[in-house]
Amino acid sequence: MSSEQQDQPTQEQENFTLRMRGLGTRTVLYQQNVAASLGLYNNDFISVDILHEKGPITAGELSKLTGLTTGSVTALIDRLEKNGFVRREHDPRDRRKVIIVPLYENKEEVSQTYHPLHAAMVNLAASYSDEELALITQFLEKASDVLEEQILHLSSTTRSKSSS
């Protein structure tokens, strides 16, 4: 096999990336529907989901992760705090900083919204062995890292285009 052929993705690799893209699209659509059902703007919902995944972080860190300006993040946090989805706490290591703590998982409407998906995913996971789940989990972690790299690349490209 020539090196040129090796550089070309196989049909299985192409099918895999197509399925991953489809999963991403369905994930975005699901998130939009969850946000709407909870009466949240999509960016607000994405932010609380990021907080749930990352744990308590500063507003500046949330700004970097979402690509929103610090002013937009402050307004977003105000809305989420008012509706009981997050709370502000002083950073125990630096009292000048405020960390944002997610609370939305404790809200009944959130758990009711996510329960059917959680149950369906647990059911799906039960159809795989522990070894298979370990491999799938490892893949998902690596795929998330790839997506974060691509997000950073795209956001830096967008910033450089808007500043020129």
Protein backbone atom coordinates (compact mmCIF):
# COMPACT_ATOMS: atom_id res chain seq x y z
CA MET A 1 0.00 0.00 0.00
CA SER A 2 1.47 3.37 -0.96
CA SER A 3 1.78 6.19 1.59
CA GLU A 4 -0.73 8.20 -0.47
CA GLN A 5 -3.38 5.51 0.03
CA GLN A 6 -2.62 5.35 3.78
CA ASP A 7 -3.30 9.08 4.04
CA GLN A 8 -6.79 8.55 2.67
CA PRO A 9 -9.43 7.62 5.25
CA THR A 10 -11.02 4.21 4.89
CA GLN A 11 -14.73 3.87 4.24
CA GLU A 12 -15.19 2.76 7.87
CA GLN A 13 -13.33 5.84 9.12
CA GLU A 14 -15.49 8.08 6.92
CA ASN A 15 -18.66 6.35 8.16
CA PHE A 16 -17.43 6.75 11.75
CA THR A 17 -16.81 10.51 11.38
CA LEU A 18 -20.22 10.91 9.73
CA ARG A 19 -21.87 9.14 12.68
CA MET A 20 -19.91 11.29 15.16
CA ARG A 21 -21.03 14.44 13.36
CA GLY A 22 -24.62 13.19 13.46
CA LEU A 23 -24.30 12.49 17.18
CA GLY A 24 -22.99 16.02 17.69
CA THR A 25 -25.94 17.48 15.80
CA ARG A 26 -28.44 15.46 17.81
CA THR A 27 -26.70 16.48 21.03
CA VAL A 28 -27.02 20.16 20.12
CA LEU A 29 -30.70 19.70 19.21
CA TYR A 30 -31.33 17.83 22.47
CA GLN A 31 -29.62 20.60 24.46
CA GLN A 32 -31.70 23.25 22.73
CA ASN A 33 -34.88 21.37 23.59
CA VAL A 34 -33.82 20.89 27.22
CA ALA A 35 -32.94 24.60 27.50
CA ALA A 36 -36.33 25.58 26.06
CA SER A 37 -38.17 23.19 28.37
CA LEU A 38 -36.40 24.78 31.36
CA GLY A 39 -37.08 28.31 30.14
CA LEU A 40 -33.39 29.05 29.55
CA TYR A 41 -31.51 30.66 26.70
CA ASN A 42 -29.25 28.18 24.93
CA ASN A 43 -26.02 29.93 26.04
CA ASP A 44 -27.30 29.91 29.62
CA PHE A 45 -27.99 26.19 29.45
CA ILE A 46 -24.63 25.44 27.82
CA SER A 47 -22.94 27.41 30.59
CA VAL A 48 -24.63 25.50 33.40
CA ASP A 49 -23.80 22.25 31.64
CA ILE A 50 -20.14 23.34 31.44
CA LEU A 51 -20.26 24.23 35.13
CA HIS A 52 -21.74 20.84 35.93
CA GLU A 53 -18.96 19.11 33.97
CA LYS A 54 -16.04 21.26 35.16
CA GLY A 55 -17.24 22.04 38.66
CA PRO A 56 -17.11 25.45 40.30
CA ILE A 57 -15.02 27.91 38.24
CA THR A 58 -14.52 31.65 38.00
CA ALA A 59 -16.50 33.88 35.66
CA GLY A 60 -13.29 34.47 33.69
CA GLU A 61 -12.80 30.74 33.19
CA LEU A 62 -16.43 30.41 32.10
CA SER A 63 -15.88 33.26 29.65
CA LYS A 64 -12.91 31.43 28.11
CA LEU A 65 -14.77 28.13 27.90
CA THR A 66 -17.88 29.62 26.29
CA GLY A 67 -16.22 32.27 24.13
CA LEU A 68 -18.56 34.88 25.63
CA THR A 69 -17.26 38.27 26.75
CA THR A 70 -16.84 38.80 30.48
CA GLY A 71 -19.71 41.31 30.42
CA SER A 72 -21.99 38.78 28.76
CA VAL A 73 -20.94 36.13 31.28
CA THR A 74 -21.72 38.48 34.18
CA ALA A 75 -25.25 39.07 32.83
CA LEU A 76 -25.63 35.33 32.18
CA ILE A 77 -24.58 34.51 35.77
CA ASP A 78 -27.01 37.13 37.10
CA ARG A 79 -29.87 35.43 35.19
CA LEU A 80 -28.86 31.95 36.32
CA GLU A 81 -28.44 33.01 39.93
CA LYS A 82 -31.82 34.75 39.94
CA ASN A 83 -33.45 31.52 38.72
CA GLY A 84 -31.56 29.26 41.15
CA PHE A 85 -29.32 27.49 38.65
CA VAL A 86 -26.02 28.75 40.14
CA ARG A 87 -24.69 30.60 43.15
CA ARG A 88 -21.67 32.85 43.62
CA GLU A 89 -19.14 32.01 46.34
CA HIS A 90 -15.88 33.66 47.33
CA ASP A 91 -12.85 31.66 46.25
CA PRO A 92 -11.34 30.24 49.48
CA ARG A 93 -7.82 30.64 48.02
CA ASP A 94 -8.32 34.23 46.82
CA ARG A 95 -11.12 36.24 48.44
CA ARG A 96 -10.97 38.76 45.57
CA LYS A 97 -12.24 36.11 43.17
CA VAL A 98 -15.76 34.76 42.93
CA ILE A 99 -16.45 31.22 41.82
CA ILE A 100 -19.66 30.10 40.17
CA VAL A 101 -21.19 26.94 41.64
CA PRO A 102 -23.77 24.96 39.65
CA LEU A 103 -27.02 24.14 41.46
CA TYR A 104 -29.29 23.11 38.64
CA GLU A 105 -28.89 19.35 39.14
CA ASN A 106 -30.66 19.80 42.50
CA LYS A 107 -33.67 21.37 40.76
CA GLU A 108 -36.61 18.99 40.35
CA GLU A 109 -37.44 20.13 36.80
CA VAL A 110 -33.84 19.44 35.69
CA SER A 111 -33.76 15.94 37.14
CA GLN A 112 -37.18 15.20 35.61
CA THR A 113 -35.98 16.47 32.23
CA TYR A 114 -32.77 14.41 32.27
CA HIS A 115 -34.12 11.23 33.87
CA PRO A 116 -35.49 9.64 30.64
CA LEU A 117 -32.18 10.23 28.82
CA HIS A 118 -30.16 8.98 31.78
CA ALA A 119 -32.29 5.82 32.05
CA ALA A 120 -32.03 5.18 28.30
CA MET A 121 -28.24 5.67 28.36
CA VAL A 122 -27.85 3.35 31.38
CA ASN A 123 -29.91 0.78 29.48
CA LEU A 124 -27.68 1.22 26.42
CA ALA A 125 -24.53 0.94 28.55
CA ALA A 126 -25.86 -2.30 30.06
CA SER A 127 -25.66 -3.89 26.62
CA TYR A 128 -21.83 -3.61 26.71
CA SER A 129 -19.25 -5.38 28.85
CA ASP A 130 -17.22 -3.44 31.42
CA GLU A 131 -14.18 -3.72 29.14
CA GLU A 132 -16.13 -2.35 26.19
CA LEU A 133 -17.48 0.50 28.33
CA ALA A 134 -13.94 1.34 29.48
CA LEU A 135 -12.84 1.57 25.83
CA ILE A 136 -15.89 3.63 24.84
CA THR A 137 -15.35 5.96 27.81
CA GLN A 138 -11.69 6.37 26.88
CA PHE A 139 -12.73 7.21 23.32
CA LEU A 140 -15.31 9.75 24.51
CA GLU A 141 -12.70 11.47 26.69
CA LYS A 142 -10.26 11.66 23.77
CA ALA A 143 -13.02 12.82 21.39
CA SER A 144 -13.91 15.58 23.86
CA ASP A 145 -10.26 16.66 23.94
CA VAL A 146 -10.18 16.77 20.12
CA LEU A 147 -13.36 18.88 20.10
CA GLU A 148 -11.93 21.29 22.69
CA GLU A 149 -8.78 21.69 20.57
CA GLN A 150 -10.92 22.41 17.52
CA ILE A 151 -13.06 24.90 19.45
CA LEU A 152 -9.91 26.75 20.56
CA HIS A 153 -8.58 26.71 17.02
CA LEU A 154 -11.83 28.02 15.55
CA SER A 155 -12.25 30.68 18.24
CA SER A 156 -8.68 31.93 17.77
CA THR A 157 -9.23 32.01 13.99
CA THR A 158 -12.48 33.93 14.49
CA ARG A 159 -10.80 36.42 16.86
CA SER A 160 -7.92 37.02 14.45
CA LYS A 161 -10.36 37.58 11.56
CA SER A 162 -12.45 40.05 13.59
CA SER A 163 -9.39 42.02 14.73
CA SER A 164 -7.99 42.45 11.21
